[in-house]
Amino acid sequence: MAKPPRSEFRLFWTVYTFVFVRFSLSFFLLHLTKLDSIFREVR
């Protein structure tokens, strides 16, 4: 398999990192709201 050009590789990693960070951030926020509601129920 031929190696992709440097710029393409960098673009791929930038997009991949952006999507990963975005997903983990939304996932984290979702859990934060869930925990918040649970804590409210406990009190």
Protein backbone atom coordinates (compact mmCIF):
# COMPACT_ATOMS: atom_id res chain seq x y z
CA MET A 1 0.00 0.00 0.00
CA ALA A 2 1.30 3.44 -0.90
CA LYS A 3 1.78 5.93 1.90
CA PRO A 4 -0.62 8.90 1.77
CA PRO A 5 0.84 12.39 1.30
CA ARG A 6 1.90 14.21 4.43
CA SER A 7 -0.78 16.91 4.16
CA GLU A 8 -3.54 14.32 3.71
CA PHE A 9 -2.30 12.40 6.74
CA ARG A 10 -2.27 15.54 8.86
CA LEU A 11 -5.74 16.49 7.68
CA PHE A 12 -7.01 13.02 8.57
CA TRP A 13 -5.54 13.22 12.08
CA THR A 14 -6.92 16.73 12.61
CA VAL A 15 -10.43 15.62 11.65
CA TYR A 16 -10.14 12.41 13.69
CA THR A 17 -8.95 14.27 16.78
CA PHE A 18 -11.66 16.91 16.39
CA VAL A 19 -14.41 14.29 16.11
CA PHE A 20 -13.02 12.31 19.04
CA VAL A 21 -12.79 15.37 21.30
CA ARG A 22 -16.26 16.49 20.25
CA PHE A 23 -17.74 13.06 20.98
CA SER A 24 -16.05 12.68 24.36
CA LEU A 25 -17.09 16.20 25.32
CA SER A 26 -20.76 15.57 24.51
CA PHE A 27 -20.57 12.19 26.27
CA PHE A 28 -19.05 13.85 29.35
CA LEU A 29 -21.71 16.58 29.39
CA LEU A 30 -24.45 13.97 29.04
CA HIS A 31 -23.12 12.10 32.08
CA LEU A 32 -22.74 15.35 34.01
CA THR A 33 -26.43 16.14 33.54
CA LYS A 34 -27.37 12.58 34.51
CA LEU A 35 -25.27 12.76 37.67
CA ASP A 36 -26.75 16.16 38.47
CA SER A 37 -30.30 14.80 38.26
CA ILE A 38 -29.33 11.80 40.42
CA PHE A 39 -27.82 14.08 43.07
CA ARG A 40 -30.96 16.20 43.07
CA GLU A 41 -33.09 13.11 43.63
CA VAL A 42 -30.91 12.00 46.53
CA ARG A 43 -31.19 15.34 48.32
